[in-house]
Amino acid sequence: MTPQPALGDAGATSPQHHRNITAKPARFKNAEPPPKTKKPYCHMPALVAPNSPFTQTPPLAKLPPAAGAGNRHPLRLAQLKAAPRRPGEASFFFYDAHFGNDAVKVLPGEFFVHNEDILVLTTLGSCIAACLWDRDKRIGGMNHFLLPEASLGSNGKEQDSGRYGSYAMDLLIGEMVKRGASRASMEAKVFGGGAVISGMNTLNVGERNTKFVLDYLRTERITVVSKDVMDIYPRKVCFLPASGKAMVKRLASANTEALAALERAAQVKAPAAAAAAGSVDLF
């Protein structure tokens, strides 16, 4: 058997071997690789279109809230719920989807003070909500009382309860001053005092509550910049403590049953007279 010439031998005359030899000249030991071209250096932003989603953005905490997100701050709401509360301080916190904001509901006998625009809500019949605002420190608060003054307890002294105007006002003002507010820069808004319970007009609870709080503010030389009081309507009141903005909605008479149950119990203990005393700031 005749041996075949090795690949690369001078005697190799096979066309297939010839094609293999000539097709890969760069594999010879002495062959030099083609020169590499150096790509020009450029900064990353130059490679990104101006409107590309990959452009740099500020840290997440500094981004503006999305449309419709409102003032919802899950951490703030959790902190408010976990914080210790004074006796009589509102503690029912939730997220209000209608206003798109964190909110707290002030029940009868309670108050609430804050320096951020958390939504402070309450519903009134013959009761009064006094909203105070310090225009310099931008601190505001609301209370909710049922009667002007407390009845005497078994010890012969007035009962200390936020259900009564004289004590409710002291609680609200005291908490605002503790947080840096000044009575000299406070403004007031007053709501409620409606005659919402049929057959109970002879007690004039709403009228007496209204007279008490207006006299109280006049004594303290605190300007009442706005009020929506008396008449026959229950009311829903919303207040923003930092900006001082207040909103009121008059409710239909069909919504008075729950309010009537609370106020009937309070009016059984109603004192015969109401006098102005103490110091109050409302907004």
C-alpha atoms as a PDB file:
ATOM      1  CA  MET A   1       0.000   0.000   0.000  1.00  0.00           C
ATOM      2  CA  THR A   2       1.451   3.247  -1.126  1.00  0.00           C
ATOM      3  CA  PRO A   3       1.746   5.732   1.784  1.00  0.00           C
ATOM      4  CA  GLN A   4      -0.033   9.058   1.325  1.00  0.00           C
ATOM      5  CA  PRO A   5       1.978  12.236   1.635  1.00  0.00           C
ATOM      6  CA  ALA A   6       1.574  13.956   5.058  1.00  0.00           C
ATOM      7  CA  LEU A   7      -0.254  17.203   5.285  1.00  0.00           C
ATOM      8  CA  GLY A   8       2.206  19.987   4.552  1.00  0.00           C
ATOM      9  CA  ASP A   9       4.688  17.807   2.631  1.00  0.00           C
ATOM     10  CA  ALA A  10       6.031  19.250  -0.585  1.00  0.00           C
ATOM     11  CA  GLY A  11       4.758  16.268  -2.453  1.00  0.00           C
ATOM     12  CA  ALA A  12       1.170  16.684  -1.356  1.00  0.00           C
ATOM     13  CA  THR A  13      -0.787  17.248  -4.523  1.00  0.00           C
ATOM     14  CA  SER A  14      -4.312  16.496  -3.269  1.00  0.00           C
ATOM     15  CA  PRO A  15      -6.697  19.396  -4.018  1.00  0.00           C
ATOM     16  CA  GLN A  16      -8.388  18.813  -0.659  1.00  0.00           C
ATOM     17  CA  HIS A  17      -5.071  19.100   1.157  1.00  0.00           C
ATOM     18  CA  HIS A  18      -4.204  22.149  -0.895  1.00  0.00           C
ATOM     19  CA  ARG A  19      -7.450  23.843   0.093  1.00  0.00           C
ATOM     20  CA  ASN A  20      -6.840  23.066   3.792  1.00  0.00           C
ATOM     21  CA  ILE A  21      -3.357  24.517   3.639  1.00  0.00           C
ATOM     22  CA  THR A  22      -4.306  27.724   1.889  1.00  0.00           C
ATOM     23  CA  ALA A  23      -7.549  28.347   3.835  1.00  0.00           C
ATOM     24  CA  LYS A  24      -5.907  28.929   7.261  1.00  0.00           C
ATOM     25  CA  PRO A  25      -2.653  30.779   6.781  1.00  0.00           C
ATOM     26  CA  ALA A  26      -3.065  32.595  10.132  1.00  0.00           C
ATOM     27  CA  ARG A  27      -2.358  29.317  11.978  1.00  0.00           C
ATOM     28  CA  PHE A  28       1.281  29.153  10.882  1.00  0.00           C
ATOM     29  CA  LYS A  29       3.685  29.722  13.780  1.00  0.00           C
ATOM     30  CA  ASN A  30       5.232  32.834  12.275  1.00  0.00           C
ATOM     31  CA  ALA A  31       1.929  34.494  11.325  1.00  0.00           C
ATOM     32  CA  GLU A  32       1.032  37.698  13.217  1.00  0.00           C
ATOM     33  CA  PRO A  33      -2.550  38.342  14.422  1.00  0.00           C
ATOM     34  CA  PRO A  34      -4.347  41.299  12.902  1.00  0.00           C
ATOM     35  CA  PRO A  35      -3.932  44.534  14.856  1.00  0.00           C
ATOM     36  CA  LYS A  36      -6.723  45.334  17.381  1.00  0.00           C
ATOM     37  CA  THR A  37      -8.580  48.581  16.986  1.00  0.00           C
ATOM     38  CA  LYS A  38      -9.032  50.559  20.246  1.00  0.00           C
ATOM     39  CA  LYS A  39     -12.612  51.621  20.863  1.00  0.00           C
ATOM     40  CA  PRO A  40     -13.093  55.240  21.874  1.00  0.00           C
ATOM     41  CA  TYR A  41     -13.911  55.766  25.609  1.00  0.00           C
ATOM     42  CA  CYS A  42     -17.277  57.233  26.415  1.00  0.00           C
ATOM     43  CA  HIS A  43     -19.299  57.893  29.600  1.00  0.00           C
ATOM     44  CA  MET A  44     -22.355  55.739  30.279  1.00  0.00           C
ATOM     45  CA  PRO A  45     -24.870  58.600  30.217  1.00  0.00           C
ATOM     46  CA  ALA A  46     -23.813  59.345  26.643  1.00  0.00           C
ATOM     47  CA  LEU A  47     -25.044  55.884  25.625  1.00  0.00           C
ATOM     48  CA  VAL A  48     -28.537  56.393  27.157  1.00  0.00           C
ATOM     49  CA  ALA A  49     -31.324  58.270  25.453  1.00  0.00           C
ATOM     50  CA  PRO A  50     -32.648  61.266  27.416  1.00  0.00           C
ATOM     51  CA  ASN A  51     -36.079  59.652  27.954  1.00  0.00           C
ATOM     52  CA  SER A  52     -34.798  56.160  28.569  1.00  0.00           C
ATOM     53  CA  PRO A  53     -35.995  54.353  31.714  1.00  0.00           C
ATOM     54  CA  PHE A  54     -32.368  53.637  32.496  1.00  0.00           C
ATOM     55  CA  THR A  55     -31.414  57.226  33.184  1.00  0.00           C
ATOM     56  CA  GLN A  56     -30.342  57.938  36.742  1.00  0.00           C
ATOM     57  CA  THR A  57     -33.032  58.872  39.298  1.00  0.00           C
ATOM     58  CA  PRO A  58     -32.807  60.380  42.779  1.00  0.00           C
ATOM     59  CA  PRO A  59     -33.010  58.069  45.784  1.00  0.00           C
ATOM     60  CA  LEU A  60     -36.456  56.599  46.367  1.00  0.00           C
ATOM     61  CA  ALA A  61     -37.076  58.661  49.486  1.00  0.00           C
ATOM     62  CA  LYS A  62     -36.740  61.894  47.497  1.00  0.00           C
ATOM     63  CA  LEU A  63     -39.043  60.948  44.657  1.00  0.00           C
ATOM     64  CA  PRO A  64     -42.335  62.873  44.497  1.00  0.00           C
ATOM     65  CA  PRO A  65     -45.423  60.811  45.412  1.00  0.00           C
ATOM     66  CA  ALA A  66     -47.206  59.114  42.552  1.00  0.00           C
ATOM     67  CA  ALA A  67     -50.437  60.581  41.282  1.00  0.00           C
ATOM     68  CA  GLY A  68     -53.271  59.722  43.629  1.00  0.00           C
ATOM     69  CA  ALA A  69     -50.900  58.522  46.341  1.00  0.00           C
ATOM     70  CA  GLY A  70     -51.864  61.393  48.633  1.00  0.00           C
ATOM     71  CA  ASN A  71     -50.094  61.682  51.960  1.00  0.00           C
ATOM     72  CA  ARG A  72     -49.967  58.005  52.805  1.00  0.00           C
ATOM     73  CA  HIS A  73     -46.926  57.129  54.874  1.00  0.00           C
ATOM     74  CA  PRO A  74     -47.110  53.522  56.160  1.00  0.00           C
ATOM     75  CA  LEU A  75     -44.251  54.107  58.599  1.00  0.00           C
ATOM     76  CA  ARG A  76     -45.881  57.226  60.029  1.00  0.00           C
ATOM     77  CA  LEU A  77     -49.174  55.402  60.542  1.00  0.00           C
ATOM     78  CA  ALA A  78     -47.409  52.537  62.310  1.00  0.00           C
ATOM     79  CA  GLN A  79     -45.500  54.973  64.534  1.00  0.00           C
ATOM     80  CA  LEU A  80     -48.689  56.825  65.467  1.00  0.00           C
ATOM     81  CA  LYS A  81     -50.411  53.585  66.420  1.00  0.00           C
ATOM     82  CA  ALA A  82     -47.449  52.432  68.513  1.00  0.00           C
ATOM     83  CA  ALA A  83     -46.834  55.736  70.335  1.00  0.00           C
ATOM     84  CA  PRO A  84     -48.014  56.037  73.955  1.00  0.00           C
ATOM     85  CA  ARG A  85     -51.146  58.151  74.415  1.00  0.00           C
ATOM     86  CA  ARG A  86     -52.266  60.484  77.168  1.00  0.00           C
ATOM     87  CA  PRO A  87     -55.692  59.914  78.741  1.00  0.00           C
ATOM     88  CA  GLY A  88     -58.304  61.324  76.395  1.00  0.00           C
ATOM     89  CA  GLU A  89     -55.992  61.485  73.359  1.00  0.00           C
ATOM     90  CA  ALA A  90     -57.465  60.053  70.149  1.00  0.00           C
ATOM     91  CA  SER A  91     -55.961  56.722  69.124  1.00  0.00           C
ATOM     92  CA  PHE A  92     -58.086  55.397  66.236  1.00  0.00           C
ATOM     93  CA  PHE A  93     -55.707  55.728  63.264  1.00  0.00           C
ATOM     94  CA  PHE A  94     -56.430  54.544  59.739  1.00  0.00           C
ATOM     95  CA  TYR A  95     -55.934  55.364  56.059  1.00  0.00           C
ATOM     96  CA  ASP A  96     -58.749  57.424  54.528  1.00  0.00           C
ATOM     97  CA  ALA A  97     -59.093  56.344  50.894  1.00  0.00           C
ATOM     98  CA  HIS A  98     -61.454  59.211  49.997  1.00  0.00           C
ATOM     99  CA  PHE A  99     -58.925  61.918  50.915  1.00  0.00           C
ATOM    100  CA  GLY A 100     -55.879  59.739  50.194  1.00  0.00           C
ATOM    101  CA  ASN A 101     -54.338  60.524  53.563  1.00  0.00           C
ATOM    102  CA  ASP A 102     -53.507  59.059  56.953  1.00  0.00           C
ATOM    103  CA  ALA A 103     -56.280  59.901  59.400  1.00  0.00           C
ATOM    104  CA  VAL A 104     -57.319  59.826  63.044  1.00  0.00           C
ATOM    105  CA  LYS A 105     -60.886  59.870  64.346  1.00  0.00           C
ATOM    106  CA  VAL A 106     -61.630  62.026  67.389  1.00  0.00           C
ATOM    107  CA  LEU A 107     -64.435  60.465  69.427  1.00  0.00           C
ATOM    108  CA  PRO A 108     -66.567  62.326  72.021  1.00  0.00           C
ATOM    109  CA  GLY A 109     -64.377  63.333  74.956  1.00  0.00           C
ATOM    110  CA  GLU A 110     -61.109  63.042  72.995  1.00  0.00           C
ATOM    111  CA  PHE A 111     -58.565  65.472  71.523  1.00  0.00           C
ATOM    112  CA  PHE A 112     -55.635  65.294  69.095  1.00  0.00           C
ATOM    113  CA  VAL A 113     -52.663  67.595  68.370  1.00  0.00           C
ATOM    114  CA  HIS A 114     -50.068  67.219  65.606  1.00  0.00           C
ATOM    115  CA  ASN A 115     -47.620  69.188  63.454  1.00  0.00           C
ATOM    116  CA  GLU A 116     -48.168  67.279  60.186  1.00  0.00           C
ATOM    117  CA  ASP A 117     -51.153  67.234  57.851  1.00  0.00           C
ATOM    118  CA  ILE A 118     -52.649  63.995  59.054  1.00  0.00           C
ATOM    119  CA  LEU A 119     -56.424  64.175  58.566  1.00  0.00           C
ATOM    120  CA  VAL A 120     -58.264  64.746  61.875  1.00  0.00           C
ATOM    121  CA  LEU A 121     -61.939  63.718  61.619  1.00  0.00           C
ATOM    122  CA  THR A 122     -65.014  63.851  63.824  1.00  0.00           C
ATOM    123  CA  THR A 123     -68.811  63.789  63.511  1.00  0.00           C
ATOM    124  CA  LEU A 124     -70.967  66.209  65.487  1.00  0.00           C
ATOM    125  CA  GLY A 125     -74.571  66.649  66.555  1.00  0.00           C
ATOM    126  CA  SER A 126     -75.128  69.096  69.420  1.00  0.00           C
ATOM    127  CA  CYS A 127     -71.480  68.558  70.419  1.00  0.00           C
ATOM    128  CA  ILE A 128     -68.730  71.077  69.641  1.00  0.00           C
ATOM    129  CA  ALA A 129     -65.391  70.526  67.908  1.00  0.00           C
ATOM    130  CA  ALA A 130     -62.877  73.252  68.614  1.00  0.00           C
ATOM    131  CA  CYS A 131     -60.012  73.351  66.123  1.00  0.00           C
ATOM    132  CA  LEU A 132     -56.942  75.386  67.110  1.00  0.00           C
ATOM    133  CA  TRP A 133     -54.014  76.392  64.918  1.00  0.00           C
ATOM    134  CA  ASP A 134     -50.776  78.231  65.690  1.00  0.00           C
ATOM    135  CA  ARG A 135     -50.012  80.180  62.513  1.00  0.00           C
ATOM    136  CA  ASP A 136     -46.323  80.629  63.436  1.00  0.00           C
ATOM    137  CA  LYS A 137     -45.419  77.141  64.660  1.00  0.00           C
ATOM    138  CA  ARG A 138     -47.905  75.459  62.298  1.00  0.00           C
ATOM    139  CA  ILE A 139     -49.243  73.174  64.995  1.00  0.00           C
ATOM    140  CA  GLY A 140     -52.926  72.346  65.220  1.00  0.00           C
ATOM    141  CA  GLY A 141     -55.395  70.292  67.199  1.00  0.00           C
ATOM    142  CA  MET A 142     -59.045  69.367  67.656  1.00  0.00           C
ATOM    143  CA  ASN A 143     -61.244  68.364  70.578  1.00  0.00           C
ATOM    144  CA  HIS A 144     -64.816  67.059  70.820  1.00  0.00           C
ATOM    145  CA  PHE A 145     -66.953  67.811  73.872  1.00  0.00           C
ATOM    146  CA  LEU A 146     -70.609  67.107  74.634  1.00  0.00           C
ATOM    147  CA  LEU A 147     -71.520  69.565  77.399  1.00  0.00           C
ATOM    148  CA  PRO A 148     -70.233  72.965  78.533  1.00  0.00           C
ATOM    149  CA  GLU A 149     -69.315  72.076  82.106  1.00  0.00           C
ATOM    150  CA  ALA A 150     -69.028  68.966  84.211  1.00  0.00           C
ATOM    151  CA  SER A 151     -71.493  67.993  86.913  1.00  0.00           C
ATOM    152  CA  LEU A 152     -70.278  67.566  90.480  1.00  0.00           C
ATOM    153  CA  GLY A 153     -68.988  64.154  91.465  1.00  0.00           C
ATOM    154  CA  SER A 154     -69.458  62.335  94.736  1.00  0.00           C
ATOM    155  CA  ASN A 155     -66.533  64.305  96.224  1.00  0.00           C
ATOM    156  CA  GLY A 156     -68.248  67.597  95.464  1.00  0.00           C
ATOM    157  CA  LYS A 157     -65.768  68.492  92.703  1.00  0.00           C
ATOM    158  CA  GLU A 158     -66.278  68.761  88.956  1.00  0.00           C
ATOM    159  CA  GLN A 159     -65.507  65.613  87.027  1.00  0.00           C
ATOM    160  CA  ASP A 160     -62.314  65.772  84.952  1.00  0.00           C
ATOM    161  CA  SER A 161     -63.383  64.508  81.564  1.00  0.00           C
ATOM    162  CA  GLY A 162     -62.878  65.607  77.977  1.00  0.00           C
ATOM    163  CA  ARG A 163     -66.629  65.229  77.516  1.00  0.00           C
ATOM    164  CA  TYR A 164     -67.016  68.661  79.149  1.00  0.00           C
ATOM    165  CA  GLY A 165     -65.991  71.886  77.457  1.00  0.00           C
ATOM    166  CA  SER A 166     -64.042  73.509  80.291  1.00  0.00           C
ATOM    167  CA  TYR A 167     -61.787  70.469  80.720  1.00  0.00           C
ATOM    168  CA  ALA A 168     -61.602  69.641  76.984  1.00  0.00           C
ATOM    169  CA  MET A 169     -60.269  73.096  76.206  1.00  0.00           C
ATOM    170  CA  ASP A 170     -57.598  72.864  78.893  1.00  0.00           C
ATOM    171  CA  LEU A 171     -56.448  69.535  77.483  1.00  0.00           C
ATOM    172  CA  LEU A 172     -56.205  70.848  73.937  1.00  0.00           C
ATOM    173  CA  ILE A 173     -54.431  74.090  74.766  1.00  0.00           C
ATOM    174  CA  GLY A 174     -52.078  72.427  77.219  1.00  0.00           C
ATOM    175  CA  GLU A 175     -50.944  69.875  74.640  1.00  0.00           C
ATOM    176  CA  MET A 176     -50.387  72.550  71.991  1.00  0.00           C
ATOM    177  CA  VAL A 177     -48.337  74.729  74.356  1.00  0.00           C
ATOM    178  CA  LYS A 178     -46.295  71.676  75.346  1.00  0.00           C
ATOM    179  CA  ARG A 179     -45.403  71.239  71.668  1.00  0.00           C
ATOM    180  CA  GLY A 180     -44.256  74.835  71.302  1.00  0.00           C
ATOM    181  CA  ALA A 181     -47.415  76.709  70.336  1.00  0.00           C
ATOM    182  CA  SER A 182     -48.266  80.132  71.775  1.00  0.00           C
ATOM    183  CA  ARG A 183     -51.715  81.428  72.650  1.00  0.00           C
ATOM    184  CA  ALA A 184     -50.805  84.790  71.118  1.00  0.00           C
ATOM    185  CA  SER A 185     -50.496  83.251  67.642  1.00  0.00           C
ATOM    186  CA  MET A 186     -53.463  80.855  67.834  1.00  0.00           C
ATOM    187  CA  GLU A 187     -56.566  81.049  65.662  1.00  0.00           C
ATOM    188  CA  ALA A 188     -59.830  79.176  66.080  1.00  0.00           C
ATOM    189  CA  LYS A 189     -62.526  77.495  64.031  1.00  0.00           C
ATOM    190  CA  VAL A 190     -65.666  76.186  65.730  1.00  0.00           C
ATOM    191  CA  PHE A 191     -68.142  73.570  64.512  1.00  0.00           C
ATOM    192  CA  GLY A 192     -71.267  71.818  65.772  1.00  0.00           C
ATOM    193  CA  GLY A 193     -73.952  72.780  68.262  1.00  0.00           C
ATOM    194  CA  GLY A 194     -76.812  71.560  66.075  1.00  0.00           C
ATOM    195  CA  ALA A 195     -80.324  70.864  67.381  1.00  0.00           C
ATOM    196  CA  VAL A 196     -80.379  67.354  65.935  1.00  0.00           C
ATOM    197  CA  ILE A 197     -82.544  65.528  68.517  1.00  0.00           C
ATOM    198  CA  SER A 198     -86.289  66.113  68.181  1.00  0.00           C
ATOM    199  CA  GLY A 199     -88.107  66.705  71.450  1.00  0.00           C
ATOM    200  CA  MET A 200     -84.927  67.811  73.243  1.00  0.00           C
ATOM    201  CA  ASN A 201     -84.927  71.441  72.144  1.00  0.00           C
ATOM    202  CA  THR A 202     -85.965  72.639  75.589  1.00  0.00           C
ATOM    203  CA  LEU A 203     -82.483  71.784  76.892  1.00  0.00           C
ATOM    204  CA  ASN A 204     -80.821  73.870  74.166  1.00  0.00           C
ATOM    205  CA  VAL A 205     -77.654  71.774  74.468  1.00  0.00           C
ATOM    206  CA  GLY A 206     -76.265  72.822  71.079  1.00  0.00           C
ATOM    207  CA  GLU A 207     -76.942  76.478  71.773  1.00  0.00           C
ATOM    208  CA  ARG A 208     -75.366  76.295  75.229  1.00  0.00           C
ATOM    209  CA  ASN A 209     -72.282  74.511  73.873  1.00  0.00           C
ATOM    210  CA  THR A 210     -71.903  77.173  71.194  1.00  0.00           C
ATOM    211  CA  LYS A 211     -72.242  80.046  73.641  1.00  0.00           C
ATOM    212  CA  PHE A 212     -69.741  78.459  75.986  1.00  0.00           C
ATOM    213  CA  VAL A 213     -66.975  77.971  73.443  1.00  0.00           C
ATOM    214  CA  LEU A 214     -67.367  81.427  71.867  1.00  0.00           C
ATOM    215  CA  ASP A 215     -67.309  83.102  75.283  1.00  0.00           C
ATOM    216  CA  TYR A 216     -64.312  81.000  76.246  1.00  0.00           C
ATOM    217  CA  LEU A 217     -62.355  82.115  73.190  1.00  0.00           C
ATOM    218  CA  ARG A 218     -63.365  85.733  73.659  1.00  0.00           C
ATOM    219  CA  THR A 219     -62.056  85.610  77.228  1.00  0.00           C
ATOM    220  CA  GLU A 220     -58.755  84.235  75.974  1.00  0.00           C
ATOM    221  CA  ARG A 221     -58.579  86.819  73.154  1.00  0.00           C
ATOM    222  CA  ILE A 222     -58.275  84.142  70.527  1.00  0.00           C
ATOM    223  CA  THR A 223     -59.737  85.123  67.173  1.00  0.00           C
ATOM    224  CA  VAL A 224     -62.440  82.888  65.731  1.00  0.00           C
ATOM    225  CA  VAL A 225     -61.689  83.062  62.020  1.00  0.00           C
ATOM    226  CA  SER A 226     -64.496  80.714  60.960  1.00  0.00           C
ATOM    227  CA  LYS A 227     -67.475  78.861  62.430  1.00  0.00           C
ATOM    228  CA  ASP A 228     -70.368  76.674  61.340  1.00  0.00           C
ATOM    229  CA  VAL A 229     -72.607  76.207  64.368  1.00  0.00           C
ATOM    230  CA  MET A 230     -76.173  75.580  65.546  1.00  0.00           C
ATOM    231  CA  ASP A 231     -79.016  75.034  63.024  1.00  0.00           C
ATOM    232  CA  ILE A 232     -80.537  71.519  62.788  1.00  0.00           C
ATOM    233  CA  TYR A 233     -77.796  69.622  60.952  1.00  0.00           C
ATOM    234  CA  PRO A 234     -75.262  67.063  62.126  1.00  0.00           C
ATOM    235  CA  ARG A 235     -71.815  67.716  60.677  1.00  0.00           C
ATOM    236  CA  LYS A 236     -68.697  65.889  59.613  1.00  0.00           C
ATOM    237  CA  VAL A 237     -65.535  67.948  60.195  1.00  0.00           C
ATOM    238  CA  CYS A 238     -62.056  67.381  58.691  1.00  0.00           C
ATOM    239  CA  PHE A 239     -59.015  69.311  59.888  1.00  0.00           C
ATOM    240  CA  LEU A 240     -55.362  69.424  58.774  1.00  0.00           C
ATOM    241  CA  PRO A 241     -53.188  70.473  61.746  1.00  0.00           C
ATOM    242  CA  ALA A 242     -50.092  71.739  59.898  1.00  0.00           C
ATOM    243  CA  SER A 243     -51.816  73.902  57.278  1.00  0.00           C
ATOM    244  CA  GLY A 244     -54.823  74.844  59.410  1.00  0.00           C
ATOM    245  CA  LYS A 245     -57.298  73.941  56.687  1.00  0.00           C
ATOM    246  CA  ALA A 246     -60.740  72.816  57.856  1.00  0.00           C
ATOM    247  CA  MET A 247     -63.630  71.285  55.912  1.00  0.00           C
ATOM    248  CA  VAL A 248     -67.202  70.715  57.051  1.00  0.00           C
ATOM    249  CA  LYS A 249     -70.030  68.720  55.528  1.00  0.00           C
ATOM    250  CA  ARG A 250     -73.627  68.978  56.682  1.00  0.00           C
ATOM    251  CA  LEU A 251     -75.154  65.517  56.900  1.00  0.00           C
ATOM    252  CA  ALA A 252     -78.701  64.407  56.161  1.00  0.00           C
ATOM    253  CA  SER A 253     -81.064  63.990  59.101  1.00  0.00           C
ATOM    254  CA  ALA A 254     -81.166  60.220  58.467  1.00  0.00           C
ATOM    255  CA  ASN A 255     -77.616  59.994  59.860  1.00  0.00           C
ATOM    256  CA  THR A 256     -78.486  61.298  63.323  1.00  0.00           C
ATOM    257  CA  GLU A 257     -79.540  58.108  65.115  1.00  0.00           C
ATOM    258  CA  ALA A 258     -76.057  57.122  66.304  1.00  0.00           C
ATOM    259  CA  LEU A 259     -75.366  60.699  67.411  1.00  0.00           C
ATOM    260  CA  ALA A 260     -78.694  60.906  69.207  1.00  0.00           C
ATOM    261  CA  ALA A 261     -77.905  57.822  71.293  1.00  0.00           C
ATOM    262  CA  LEU A 262     -74.685  59.420  72.548  1.00  0.00           C
ATOM    263  CA  GLU A 263     -76.202  62.807  73.226  1.00  0.00           C
ATOM    264  CA  ARG A 264     -79.283  61.553  75.059  1.00  0.00           C
ATOM    265  CA  ALA A 265     -77.018  59.857  77.580  1.00  0.00           C
ATOM    266  CA  ALA A 266     -74.994  63.061  77.991  1.00  0.00           C
ATOM    267  CA  GLN A 267     -78.026  65.347  78.303  1.00  0.00           C
ATOM    268  CA  VAL A 268     -79.461  63.384  81.223  1.00  0.00           C
ATOM    269  CA  LYS A 269     -76.526  64.766  83.237  1.00  0.00           C
ATOM    270  CA  ALA A 270     -76.744  68.261  81.781  1.00  0.00           C
ATOM    271  CA  PRO A 271     -76.187  71.014  84.393  1.00  0.00           C
ATOM    272  CA  ALA A 272     -78.670  73.822  84.777  1.00  0.00           C
ATOM    273  CA  ALA A 273     -76.331  76.640  83.781  1.00  0.00           C
ATOM    274  CA  ALA A 274     -73.232  77.148  81.686  1.00  0.00           C
ATOM    275  CA  ALA A 275     -70.534  79.679  82.490  1.00  0.00           C
ATOM    276  CA  ALA A 276     -67.455  80.727  80.561  1.00  0.00           C
ATOM    277  CA  ALA A 277     -64.111  79.972  82.167  1.00  0.00           C
ATOM    278  CA  GLY A 278     -60.574  78.950  81.394  1.00  0.00           C
ATOM    279  CA  SER A 279     -58.685  79.443  78.171  1.00  0.00           C
ATOM    280  CA  VAL A 280     -59.385  77.944  74.766  1.00  0.00           C
ATOM    281  CA  ASP A 281     -57.883  78.119  71.295  1.00  0.00           C
ATOM    282  CA  LEU A 282     -59.783  76.878  68.275  1.00  0.00           C
ATOM    283  CA  PHE A 283     -59.106  76.755  64.543  1.00  0.00           C
END
